[in-house]
Protein backbone atom coordinates (compact mmCIF):
# COMPACT_ATOMS: atom_id res chain seq x y z
CA MET A 1 88.88 109.19 141.39
CA PRO A 2 92.39 108.00 140.01
CA ASP A 3 92.16 105.25 137.49
CA PHE A 4 94.29 103.02 139.70
CA GLY A 5 94.51 99.06 139.54
CA ARG A 6 94.92 99.16 135.91
CA ILE A 7 97.82 99.60 133.35
CA VAL A 8 96.53 102.45 131.07
CA ARG A 9 94.99 105.23 132.96
CA ARG A 10 91.66 107.22 131.85
CA ALA A 11 90.15 110.46 133.11
CA VAL A 12 87.09 112.43 132.12
CA THR A 13 85.88 115.97 133.10
CA SER A 14 82.95 118.58 132.18
CA SER A 15 84.35 121.42 133.65
CA ARG A 16 84.40 124.63 131.30
CA ASP A 17 87.10 126.25 133.25
CA PRO A 18 90.28 125.08 131.73
CA ALA A 19 92.77 124.96 134.73
CA GLU A 20 90.31 123.29 136.75
CA ALA A 21 89.38 120.88 133.87
CA LEU A 22 93.18 119.95 133.69
CA ARG A 23 93.57 119.58 137.38
CA GLU A 24 90.52 117.22 137.63
CA LEU A 25 92.03 115.20 134.58
CA ARG A 26 95.38 114.99 136.28
CA ASP A 27 94.11 113.88 139.79
CA GLN A 28 92.35 111.24 137.97
CA LEU A 29 95.31 110.01 135.99
CA GLY A 30 97.28 109.99 138.90
CA TRP A 31 100.83 111.59 139.15
CA GLU A 32 103.01 108.89 138.23
CA LYS A 33 105.48 109.30 135.18
CA PHE A 34 103.70 109.00 131.57
CA ALA A 35 105.29 108.30 128.45
CA LEU A 36 102.36 110.26 126.54
CA VAL A 37 99.03 111.49 127.30
CA THR A 38 96.19 111.96 124.89
CA ILE A 39 93.31 114.33 124.93
CA PHE A 40 90.17 114.22 123.18
CA VAL A 41 88.38 117.80 123.70
CA ALA A 42 84.60 118.46 122.81
CA PRO A 43 84.72 121.77 120.63
CA CYS A 44 82.89 123.73 123.45
CA HIS A 45 86.11 123.45 125.49
CA LEU A 46 88.41 124.78 122.91
CA SER A 47 89.57 128.32 123.84
CA GLY A 48 92.91 130.21 124.05
CA LEU A 49 93.59 129.09 127.61
CA LEU A 50 93.38 125.51 126.99
CA ALA A 51 96.75 124.90 125.64
CA SER A 52 98.30 126.86 128.39
CA ALA A 53 96.46 124.89 131.08
CA ILE A 54 97.41 121.62 129.24
CA ASN A 55 101.30 122.57 129.15
CA ALA A 56 101.05 123.80 132.68
CA THR A 57 99.71 120.60 134.19
CA PHE A 58 101.85 118.05 131.94
CA PRO A 59 105.12 120.25 131.60
CA ASP A 60 107.41 117.18 130.96
CA VAL A 61 104.96 115.01 129.29
CA PRO A 62 104.35 114.65 125.37
CA VAL A 63 100.64 115.41 124.85
CA ILE A 64 98.65 114.92 121.88
CA GLY A 65 94.89 115.22 121.21
CA CYS A 66 91.96 116.68 118.85
CA THR A 67 88.61 118.11 118.97
CA THR A 68 85.90 115.36 118.59
CA ALA A 69 82.39 114.81 117.37
CA GLY A 70 81.80 113.00 120.67
CA GLU A 71 83.69 111.22 123.34
CA ILE A 72 84.02 107.77 124.63
CA THR A 73 84.35 108.16 128.33
CA PRO A 74 85.09 105.60 131.26
CA ASP A 75 81.29 105.46 131.55
CA GLY A 76 80.30 105.47 127.84
CA ILE A 77 79.18 107.87 125.14
CA ALA A 78 79.27 111.55 126.09
CA ASP A 79 79.30 114.80 124.79
CA ASP A 80 80.70 118.32 125.91
CA THR A 81 83.59 116.71 128.08
CA ILE A 82 87.34 116.28 127.89
CA VAL A 83 88.72 112.68 128.03
CA ALA A 84 92.34 112.04 128.82
CA VAL A 85 94.30 108.76 128.60
CA GLY A 86 97.68 108.23 130.17
CA PHE A 87 100.38 105.88 128.88
CA PRO A 88 102.59 105.19 131.99
CA ALA A 89 106.38 104.99 131.22
CA SER A 90 106.47 101.94 133.36
CA HIS A 91 104.91 100.09 130.21
CA PHE A 92 105.12 102.13 127.38
CA CYS A 93 107.63 104.56 125.52
CA ALA A 94 106.60 107.10 122.83
CA SER A 95 107.84 109.29 119.84
CA VAL A 96 105.69 111.91 118.44
CA GLN A 97 105.61 113.54 114.95
CA LEU A 98 103.81 116.70 114.22
CA LEU A 99 102.90 117.24 110.60
CA THR A 100 101.93 120.82 109.66
CA ASP A 101 100.85 122.48 106.53
CA THR A 102 99.88 118.68 105.38
CA ASP A 103 98.65 119.83 101.79
CA LYS A 104 102.46 120.81 100.98
CA GLN A 105 104.36 117.98 102.95
CA ASP A 106 106.97 116.14 101.11
CA GLY A 107 106.50 112.34 101.19
CA ALA A 108 110.22 111.42 101.36
CA GLY A 109 110.43 113.64 104.54
CA ILE A 110 107.37 112.32 106.39
CA ALA A 111 108.81 108.58 105.49
CA LYS A 112 112.26 109.51 107.00
CA ALA A 113 110.62 110.85 109.99
CA VAL A 114 108.71 107.96 110.59
CA LEU A 115 111.90 105.77 110.60
CA ASP A 116 113.48 108.06 112.86
CA GLN A 117 110.41 107.79 115.30
CA LEU A 118 110.81 103.79 115.07
CA SER A 119 114.54 103.90 115.74
CA GLU A 120 113.78 106.26 118.60
CA VAL A 121 111.58 103.93 120.41
CA ALA A 122 113.59 100.79 119.76
CA ARG A 123 116.70 102.53 121.12
CA ILE A 124 114.72 103.44 124.50
CA ALA A 125 112.99 99.95 125.02
CA PRO A 126 114.91 97.44 122.93
CA ASP A 127 113.48 94.49 124.96
CA TRP A 128 109.98 95.37 124.58
CA GLN A 129 108.13 93.75 121.70
CA GLY A 130 104.62 95.54 121.35
CA GLU A 131 104.48 98.29 118.78
CA PHE A 132 101.67 100.39 117.31
CA ALA A 133 101.06 103.70 115.73
CA PHE A 134 98.42 106.12 116.83
CA MET A 135 97.47 108.91 114.08
CA LEU A 136 95.18 111.83 114.53
CA ASN A 137 94.17 113.88 111.25
CA ASP A 138 92.51 117.33 110.77
CA GLY A 139 88.91 116.07 109.49
CA MET A 140 88.35 119.26 107.60
CA ALA A 141 91.68 119.11 105.61
CA ARG A 142 90.22 116.06 103.56
CA ASN A 143 93.67 114.64 102.93
CA GLU A 144 93.80 111.77 105.19
CA ASP A 145 93.83 109.31 102.33
CA ARG A 146 97.40 110.75 101.11
CA ILE A 147 98.92 111.36 104.48
CA VAL A 148 98.37 107.76 105.76
CA ALA A 149 99.18 106.15 102.21
CA THR A 150 102.54 108.00 102.76
CA ILE A 151 103.30 106.96 106.52
CA TYR A 152 102.17 103.39 106.53
CA PRO A 153 104.60 101.93 104.04
CA ALA A 154 107.44 103.32 106.51
CA LEU A 155 106.03 101.62 109.44
CA GLY A 156 106.62 97.99 108.09
CA MET A 157 105.20 95.67 110.32
CA VAL A 158 103.87 98.24 112.87
CA PRO A 159 100.11 98.53 112.77
CA LEU A 160 98.38 101.66 112.59
CA PHE A 161 95.05 103.03 113.75
CA GLY A 162 93.71 106.47 114.30
CA GLY A 163 90.97 109.17 113.71
CA SER A 164 90.07 112.48 112.21
CA ALA A 165 89.55 115.24 114.25
CA GLY A 166 85.76 116.35 114.63
CA ASP A 167 83.56 119.41 115.27
CA GLY A 168 80.31 117.77 116.36
CA LEU A 169 77.63 118.00 113.74
CA SER A 170 79.02 121.75 112.67
CA PHE A 171 81.69 120.40 110.15
CA HIS A 172 83.16 123.94 110.49
CA GLU A 173 86.51 124.03 112.54
CA THR A 174 88.76 121.21 113.73
CA ALA A 175 91.91 121.14 115.59
CA LEU A 176 94.91 118.70 116.58
CA PHE A 177 97.16 119.46 119.97
CA ALA A 178 100.90 118.64 119.56
CA GLY A 179 103.93 120.47 120.58
CA GLY A 180 102.31 122.64 123.21
CA ALA A 181 99.76 124.34 120.77
CA PHE A 182 96.54 123.44 118.79
CA HIS A 183 96.98 123.36 114.87
CA LYS A 184 94.96 123.43 111.68
CA ARG A 185 95.33 121.34 108.51
CA ALA A 186 97.87 119.09 110.59
CA SER A 187 98.35 115.55 111.39
CA VAL A 188 99.87 113.93 114.46
CA LEU A 189 101.73 110.44 114.48
CA ALA A 190 102.70 108.73 117.85
CA ILE A 191 104.62 105.51 117.74
CA LEU A 192 104.22 103.45 120.92
CA ARG A 193 106.55 100.65 122.05
CA THR A 194 105.09 98.73 125.06
CA ARG A 195 105.75 95.60 127.17
CA CYS A 196 101.97 94.93 126.87
CA ARG A 197 100.50 92.63 124.40
CA ILE A 198 98.50 94.62 121.92
CA LYS A 199 95.97 94.00 119.05
CA VAL A 200 95.00 96.81 116.54
CA PHE A 201 91.69 96.15 114.93
CA ARG A 202 88.68 97.42 113.10
CA PHE A 203 85.28 96.36 112.57
CA ASP A 204 81.80 97.55 111.25
CA HIS A 205 78.36 96.19 111.33
CA PHE A 206 77.66 96.36 107.50
CA GLY A 207 77.31 93.84 104.75
CA PRO A 208 76.78 94.49 101.14
CA THR A 209 73.36 94.08 99.19
CA ASP A 210 72.64 93.45 95.55
CA THR A 211 71.83 97.27 95.22
CA ARG A 212 74.90 99.02 93.25
CA MET A 213 75.36 102.28 91.60
CA VAL A 214 78.03 104.13 89.45
CA VAL A 215 79.58 107.49 90.32
CA THR A 216 79.49 109.20 86.76
CA SER A 217 80.78 112.63 87.81
CA ALA A 218 82.81 113.69 90.76
CA ASP A 219 85.33 116.34 92.41
CA PRO A 220 87.72 114.06 94.07
CA GLU A 221 89.90 116.89 95.41
CA ARG A 222 86.85 118.14 97.34
CA ARG A 223 85.39 114.66 97.78
CA LEU A 224 82.15 115.56 96.02
CA VAL A 225 79.74 113.36 94.03
CA ARG A 226 77.95 115.20 91.44
CA GLU A 227 76.32 112.44 89.52
CA ILE A 228 75.28 108.69 90.28
CA ASN A 229 73.96 106.68 87.25
CA ALA A 230 74.05 109.88 85.26
CA GLU A 231 71.77 111.52 87.18
CA PRO A 232 72.08 114.32 90.19
CA ALA A 233 73.64 112.68 92.94
CA ALA A 234 71.51 113.22 96.02
CA ALA A 235 68.29 112.45 94.17
CA GLU A 236 69.53 109.48 92.73
CA TYR A 237 71.19 108.23 95.86
CA ALA A 238 67.80 108.89 97.80
CA ARG A 239 65.93 106.82 95.01
CA MET A 240 68.18 103.62 95.44
CA VAL A 241 67.84 103.74 99.37
CA GLY A 242 64.00 104.28 98.93
CA LYS A 243 63.84 107.78 100.15
CA ASP A 244 62.41 111.14 98.99
CA PRO A 245 65.43 113.83 98.36
CA GLY A 246 63.71 116.04 101.03
CA GLN A 247 64.29 113.42 103.65
CA LEU A 248 68.03 113.18 103.18
CA SER A 249 70.05 113.96 106.39
CA PRO A 250 72.76 112.77 108.57
CA PHE A 251 70.66 110.16 110.20
CA VAL A 252 69.66 108.72 106.65
CA PHE A 253 73.26 108.61 105.66
CA ALA A 254 74.15 106.92 108.88
CA ALA A 255 71.26 104.17 108.31
CA ASN A 256 71.78 103.64 104.52
CA PRO A 257 75.71 103.95 103.79
CA VAL A 258 77.60 102.70 100.75
CA MET A 259 80.51 100.46 100.21
CA VAL A 260 83.30 99.92 98.06
CA LYS A 261 85.33 96.83 97.38
CA VAL A 262 88.93 97.08 98.07
CA GLY A 263 91.26 94.24 98.11
CA GLY A 264 88.41 91.76 98.14
CA GLN A 265 86.87 93.37 101.23
CA TYR A 266 84.06 96.03 101.37
CA HIS A 267 84.64 99.33 103.22
CA VAL A 268 82.14 102.00 104.05
CA ARG A 269 82.27 105.24 101.91
CA ALA A 270 80.34 107.37 104.31
CA ILE A 271 78.15 110.60 103.02
CA GLN A 272 78.84 113.50 105.11
CA LYS A 273 76.20 115.86 103.78
CA ILE A 274 73.95 117.02 100.90
CA GLU A 275 75.19 120.30 99.47
CA ASP A 276 72.79 123.21 98.42
CA ASN A 277 73.03 122.11 94.53
CA GLY A 278 72.32 118.41 95.29
CA ASP A 279 75.96 117.13 95.29
CA LEU A 280 76.77 114.66 97.92
CA ARG A 281 79.90 115.38 100.00
CA PHE A 282 81.76 112.15 101.22
CA PHE A 283 84.07 111.59 104.32
CA SER A 284 86.74 109.98 102.50
CA ALA A 285 88.16 109.41 98.86
CA ILE A 286 85.68 109.25 96.10
CA ASP A 287 86.12 109.30 92.24
CA GLU A 288 84.43 108.71 88.92
CA GLY A 289 83.77 105.14 87.81
CA LEU A 290 83.53 104.04 91.48
CA VAL A 291 80.90 101.37 92.14
CA LEU A 292 79.15 101.94 95.28
CA THR A 293 77.10 99.22 96.83
CA VAL A 294 74.20 99.90 99.34
CA ALA A 295 75.01 98.53 102.72
CA GLU A 296 72.71 96.46 105.00
CA PRO A 297 73.09 96.87 108.72
CA GLU A 298 73.11 94.13 111.61
CA ASP A 299 71.90 95.42 114.87
CA ILE A 300 74.64 97.51 116.20
CA VAL A 301 74.42 96.38 119.99
CA THR A 302 74.34 92.85 119.21
CA HIS A 303 77.22 93.20 116.68
CA LEU A 304 79.54 95.32 119.25
CA GLN A 305 78.80 92.83 121.87
CA ARG A 306 80.22 90.09 119.73
CA ALA A 307 83.08 92.15 118.63
CA MET A 308 84.16 92.91 122.27
CA ASP A 309 83.70 89.25 123.11
CA GLU A 310 86.38 88.49 120.19
CA LEU A 311 88.95 90.79 121.58
CA VAL A 312 89.03 88.44 124.78
CA ASP A 313 92.25 86.35 124.18
CA THR A 314 93.44 83.25 125.95
CA HIS A 315 94.86 85.49 128.84
CA GLY A 316 91.75 87.39 129.42
CA ASN A 317 89.98 90.71 128.74
CA PRO A 318 91.99 93.69 127.44
CA ASP A 319 93.21 96.10 130.33
CA THR A 320 91.95 99.05 128.19
CA ILE A 321 90.74 99.83 124.51
CA VAL A 322 91.54 102.91 122.91
CA ALA A 323 89.11 103.58 120.20
CA CYS A 324 88.18 105.75 117.33
CA GLU A 325 84.55 105.43 116.39
CA CYS A 326 82.85 107.22 113.44
CA ILE A 327 80.30 109.96 114.15
CA LEU A 328 77.73 107.91 111.96
CA ARG A 329 77.85 105.26 114.30
CA LYS A 330 77.07 107.57 116.88
CA LEU A 331 74.35 108.99 115.22
CA GLU A 332 72.73 105.49 114.56
CA ILE A 333 73.12 104.69 118.19
CA ASP A 334 71.04 107.75 119.08
CA GLN A 335 68.56 107.39 116.55
CA THR A 336 67.85 103.81 117.53
CA GLN A 337 67.83 104.89 121.28
CA ALA A 338 70.78 102.57 122.08
CA ARG A 339 73.14 104.85 123.76
CA ARG A 340 72.47 103.48 127.14
CA ARG A 341 73.15 99.82 125.95
CA ILE A 342 76.17 100.62 123.98
CA SER A 343 77.60 102.59 126.76
CA SER A 344 77.23 99.75 129.14
CA ILE A 345 79.11 97.37 126.65
CA LEU A 346 81.75 100.04 126.25
CA ALA A 347 82.13 100.73 130.04
CA LYS A 348 82.34 97.11 130.83
CA ASN A 349 85.19 96.62 128.46
CA ARG A 350 87.23 99.61 129.51
CA VAL A 351 86.83 101.42 126.13
CA VAL A 352 88.00 105.25 125.88
CA GLY A 353 88.30 107.39 122.78
CA PHE A 354 86.29 109.82 120.73
CA HIS A 355 83.81 109.90 117.91
CA THR A 356 85.45 110.85 114.54
CA TYR A 357 85.09 112.31 110.98
CA GLY A 358 86.81 109.15 109.60
CA GLU A 359 89.06 106.34 110.78
CA GLN A 360 92.60 105.23 109.76
CA PHE A 361 93.38 101.56 109.68
CA ASN A 362 96.80 100.44 108.44
CA MET A 363 96.95 102.05 104.97
CA LEU A 364 93.12 102.73 104.48
CA HIS A 365 91.21 105.73 105.58
CA VAL A 366 87.68 104.27 106.17
CA ASN A 367 84.29 105.61 107.52
CA GLN A 368 81.47 104.39 109.76
CA THR A 369 83.93 101.78 111.69
CA PHE A 370 85.13 100.99 115.42
CA THR A 371 88.84 101.16 115.14
CA GLY A 372 91.24 100.84 117.84
CA VAL A 373 94.12 99.03 119.94
CA ALA A 374 93.42 96.43 122.63
CA ILE A 375 95.90 96.68 125.38
CA TYR A 376 96.42 93.62 127.37
CA ALA A 377 98.49 92.81 130.33
CA PRO A 378 102.10 91.78 129.66
CA GLU A 379 102.98 88.17 130.11
CA ASP A 380 105.02 88.90 133.15
CA ALA A 381 102.29 91.08 134.71
CA ASP A 382 102.30 89.01 138.06
CA ALA A 383 106.12 88.93 138.28
């Protein structure tokens, strides 16, 4: 059924046939004019025919998207689906920049392109005041920190959020969609201007403990930690969180993350996996000398409900929340058998999005967070 009666349109399909899947998505979104459509694609749907189906279905609409580590549909958390979000031209305008070969991109050129995007949306809708930037990165390129640090200063006061493309728990191959094709080792930046009220946010359900450790040997380029406290990394991490090294798994990493203090605030530095030689691979930047603090979680269901309640403003609930949620939160949700309760909260609050290999929030690349934009009806909605 079309997602009528609201501003932002949402759709989901499980069809494995690309043409049929895109027809279903378009029918659910409706046939009005869109300023931008985003798609979040489970890896099982990625095929040579998918890009052609997207282009045939949305011939005159900018479409961006990525592969996922799970999807957030209008009904909550799901796997093996394609989710689409439509931003109607009646309430939004957008400018999209595709960065290919991100390892070789010139920082000054990227910044200039961001300024051009800001000028473009200001020219299209000079009277609209709401602005936000939405960024998608290749989760396997491991250069999100550098890309977001280059882009964010050029945005000025425009808030940024986003996520890194995923590949389930395979960590093998991710892809981004823009300009009518899928790309690897790429980034996509969309800047949207809107007549709606917006709030870009991030939260996590962890707090620091008194248990700390120091990275004593690392390979920052590959996000590998070789030693912690001058001991083999995996074995020492396991000891610090009260586990046997043989017990380490994505579920243990999700339940026992470490944090770093940046600018007076703690941020999670999530562990992706243990390498065969006992090194720990992280989802974000890591370096020698970094002090890691073991984190302590709050109940994830209770925390999510409180966070959603805090997004209600004096004018009411958000029309839609577009979210990027870390894969490790999803693993914790499933490990604690909380998917049904979490999905109910997400559906009630009209959340849609995908599970990521890392999240972007303003100038930071972060992990194990729930990051997004809450979109509210404009002040003149009843006019």
